[in-house]
């Protein structure tokens, strides 16, 4: 799996920040069902469970273990949109990527 940060995402990250791909449980009966979110986070505030991922630039992306497992073997592009001081980090994954991954249908 490789995460590639485009120019907008690289410029939006501050020197002490990384991109975190987090996993949010949405199912009551199974912790495997959930959705992804992508956000910038100071390196010092990374959760202990976060794993570094193969990324360009190196060391810029971390993920929750469940998210990392669902994204194994995929190339993902990360972009950033800005509106004033607010930053939105997005990926090229489909909006329902978490559900598709849980069902084994993430293309």
C-alpha atoms as a PDB file:
ATOM      1  CA  UNK A   1       0.000   0.000   0.000  1.00  0.00           C
ATOM      2  CA  UNK A   2       1.312   3.410  -0.887  1.00  0.00           C
ATOM      3  CA  UNK A   3      -0.101   6.765   0.070  1.00  0.00           C
ATOM      4  CA  UNK A   4       0.895   9.665  -2.152  1.00  0.00           C
ATOM      5  CA  UNK A   5       0.397  13.204  -0.903  1.00  0.00           C
ATOM      6  CA  UNK A   6      -0.182  15.627  -3.750  1.00  0.00           C
ATOM      7  CA  UNK A   7       1.247  19.139  -3.753  1.00  0.00           C
ATOM      8  CA  UNK A   8      -1.743  20.665  -1.955  1.00  0.00           C
ATOM      9  CA  UNK A   9      -1.515  18.120   0.882  1.00  0.00           C
ATOM     10  CA  UNK A  10       2.253  18.527   1.245  1.00  0.00           C
ATOM     11  CA  UNK A  11       1.948  22.311   1.435  1.00  0.00           C
ATOM     12  CA  UNK A  12      -0.932  22.132   3.932  1.00  0.00           C
ATOM     13  CA  UNK A  13       0.960  19.932   6.408  1.00  0.00           C
ATOM     14  CA  UNK A  14       2.926  21.809   9.022  1.00  0.00           C
ATOM     15  CA  UNK A  15       6.486  20.596   9.782  1.00  0.00           C
ATOM     16  CA  UNK A  16       5.379  18.747  12.957  1.00  0.00           C
ATOM     17  CA  UNK A  17       2.257  17.148  11.413  1.00  0.00           C
ATOM     18  CA  UNK A  18       1.413  13.855   9.726  1.00  0.00           C
ATOM     19  CA  UNK A  19      -1.718  12.521   8.030  1.00  0.00           C
ATOM     20  CA  UNK A  20      -3.700  10.007  10.103  1.00  0.00           C
ATOM     21  CA  UNK A  21      -6.051   7.530   8.403  1.00  0.00           C
ATOM     22  CA  UNK A  22      -8.415   6.669  11.234  1.00  0.00           C
ATOM     23  CA  UNK A  23     -11.071   3.966  11.551  1.00  0.00           C
ATOM     24  CA  UNK A  24     -14.504   4.663  13.073  1.00  0.00           C
ATOM     25  CA  UNK A  25     -16.612   1.679  14.102  1.00  0.00           C
ATOM     26  CA  UNK A  26     -20.160   1.915  12.751  1.00  0.00           C
ATOM     27  CA  UNK A  27     -21.467  -1.594  13.473  1.00  0.00           C
ATOM     28  CA  UNK A  28     -22.831  -2.703  16.821  1.00  0.00           C
ATOM     29  CA  UNK A  29     -22.078  -6.383  16.402  1.00  0.00           C
ATOM     30  CA  UNK A  30     -18.752  -6.282  14.626  1.00  0.00           C
ATOM     31  CA  UNK A  31     -15.772  -3.961  15.167  1.00  0.00           C
ATOM     32  CA  UNK A  32     -14.735  -4.675  11.584  1.00  0.00           C
ATOM     33  CA  UNK A  33     -17.550  -2.587  10.100  1.00  0.00           C
ATOM     34  CA  UNK A  34     -16.714   1.082   9.932  1.00  0.00           C
ATOM     35  CA  UNK A  35     -15.507   4.017   7.888  1.00  0.00           C
ATOM     36  CA  UNK A  36     -12.246   5.823   7.211  1.00  0.00           C
ATOM     37  CA  UNK A  37     -11.418   9.425   8.021  1.00  0.00           C
ATOM     38  CA  UNK A  38      -8.308  11.377   7.079  1.00  0.00           C
ATOM     39  CA  UNK A  39      -6.942  14.288   9.105  1.00  0.00           C
ATOM     40  CA  UNK A  40      -3.760  16.107   9.980  1.00  0.00           C
ATOM     41  CA  UNK A  41      -2.394  15.517  13.456  1.00  0.00           C
ATOM     42  CA  UNK A  42       0.701  16.667  15.301  1.00  0.00           C
ATOM     43  CA  UNK A  43       3.234  13.842  15.455  1.00  0.00           C
ATOM     44  CA  UNK A  44       3.397  14.175  19.260  1.00  0.00           C
ATOM     45  CA  UNK A  45      -0.358  13.480  19.518  1.00  0.00           C
ATOM     46  CA  UNK A  46      -0.406  10.286  17.443  1.00  0.00           C
ATOM     47  CA  UNK A  47      -2.288   7.457  19.171  1.00  0.00           C
ATOM     48  CA  UNK A  48      -0.089   4.587  20.369  1.00  0.00           C
ATOM     49  CA  UNK A  49      -1.932   2.193  18.036  1.00  0.00           C
ATOM     50  CA  UNK A  50      -1.100   4.216  14.887  1.00  0.00           C
ATOM     51  CA  UNK A  51       1.143   2.423  12.417  1.00  0.00           C
ATOM     52  CA  UNK A  52       3.418   4.145   9.897  1.00  0.00           C
ATOM     53  CA  UNK A  53       2.484   3.452   6.275  1.00  0.00           C
ATOM     54  CA  UNK A  54       4.460   3.466   3.064  1.00  0.00           C
ATOM     55  CA  UNK A  55       4.010   7.015   1.842  1.00  0.00           C
ATOM     56  CA  UNK A  56       5.415   9.668  -0.410  1.00  0.00           C
ATOM     57  CA  UNK A  57       6.930  11.649   1.279  1.00  0.00           C
ATOM     58  CA  UNK A  58       8.265   9.045   3.677  1.00  0.00           C
ATOM     59  CA  UNK A  59       6.884   9.103   7.231  1.00  0.00           C
ATOM     60  CA  UNK A  60       3.986  11.409   6.376  1.00  0.00           C
ATOM     61  CA  UNK A  61       1.082   8.940   6.807  1.00  0.00           C
ATOM     62  CA  UNK A  62       0.001   6.795   9.772  1.00  0.00           C
ATOM     63  CA  UNK A  63      -3.091   4.598  10.139  1.00  0.00           C
ATOM     64  CA  UNK A  64      -5.257   2.824  12.679  1.00  0.00           C
ATOM     65  CA  UNK A  65      -4.456  -0.945  12.492  1.00  0.00           C
ATOM     66  CA  UNK A  66      -7.923  -1.840  11.137  1.00  0.00           C
ATOM     67  CA  UNK A  67      -7.726   0.862   8.468  1.00  0.00           C
ATOM     68  CA  UNK A  68      -4.244  -0.348   7.492  1.00  0.00           C
ATOM     69  CA  UNK A  69      -5.513  -3.920   7.129  1.00  0.00           C
ATOM     70  CA  UNK A  70      -8.406  -2.861   4.875  1.00  0.00           C
ATOM     71  CA  UNK A  71      -6.154  -0.699   2.691  1.00  0.00           C
ATOM     72  CA  UNK A  72      -3.389  -3.283   2.230  1.00  0.00           C
ATOM     73  CA  UNK A  73      -2.247  -3.544  -1.380  1.00  0.00           C
ATOM     74  CA  UNK A  74      -3.870  -0.300  -2.524  1.00  0.00           C
ATOM     75  CA  UNK A  75      -2.421   2.948  -3.821  1.00  0.00           C
ATOM     76  CA  UNK A  76      -4.200   5.948  -2.347  1.00  0.00           C
ATOM     77  CA  UNK A  77      -3.830   9.614  -3.282  1.00  0.00           C
ATOM     78  CA  UNK A  78      -4.279  12.224  -0.526  1.00  0.00           C
ATOM     79  CA  UNK A  79      -5.368  15.783  -1.367  1.00  0.00           C
ATOM     80  CA  UNK A  80      -6.121  18.853   0.692  1.00  0.00           C
ATOM     81  CA  UNK A  81      -8.734  21.550   0.135  1.00  0.00           C
ATOM     82  CA  UNK A  82      -8.503  24.858   1.934  1.00  0.00           C
ATOM     83  CA  UNK A  83     -11.123  27.436   2.729  1.00  0.00           C
ATOM     84  CA  UNK A  84      -9.327  30.146   4.639  1.00  0.00           C
ATOM     85  CA  UNK A  85      -7.607  28.554   7.627  1.00  0.00           C
ATOM     86  CA  UNK A  86      -9.675  25.340   7.445  1.00  0.00           C
ATOM     87  CA  UNK A  87      -8.080  22.277   5.818  1.00  0.00           C
ATOM     88  CA  UNK A  88      -9.904  19.171   4.518  1.00  0.00           C
ATOM     89  CA  UNK A  89      -7.769  16.155   3.749  1.00  0.00           C
ATOM     90  CA  UNK A  90      -9.432  13.716   1.351  1.00  0.00           C
ATOM     91  CA  UNK A  91      -8.475  10.551  -0.496  1.00  0.00           C
ATOM     92  CA  UNK A  92      -9.393   9.117  -3.873  1.00  0.00           C
ATOM     93  CA  UNK A  93     -11.211   6.246  -2.134  1.00  0.00           C
ATOM     94  CA  UNK A  94     -14.966   6.017  -2.756  1.00  0.00           C
ATOM     95  CA  UNK A  95     -17.180   7.661  -0.101  1.00  0.00           C
ATOM     96  CA  UNK A  96     -18.347   4.249   1.138  1.00  0.00           C
ATOM     97  CA  UNK A  97     -14.867   2.675   1.117  1.00  0.00           C
ATOM     98  CA  UNK A  98     -15.185   1.380   4.688  1.00  0.00           C
ATOM     99  CA  UNK A  99     -18.395  -0.515   3.944  1.00  0.00           C
ATOM    100  CA  UNK A 100     -16.947  -1.865   0.705  1.00  0.00           C
ATOM    101  CA  UNK A 101     -13.789  -2.988   2.537  1.00  0.00           C
ATOM    102  CA  UNK A 102     -15.848  -4.790   5.210  1.00  0.00           C
ATOM    103  CA  UNK A 103     -17.750  -6.635   2.487  1.00  0.00           C
ATOM    104  CA  UNK A 104     -14.578  -7.505   0.579  1.00  0.00           C
ATOM    105  CA  UNK A 105     -15.598  -5.317  -2.356  1.00  0.00           C
ATOM    106  CA  UNK A 106     -13.165  -2.412  -2.210  1.00  0.00           C
ATOM    107  CA  UNK A 107     -11.903  -2.208  -5.816  1.00  0.00           C
END
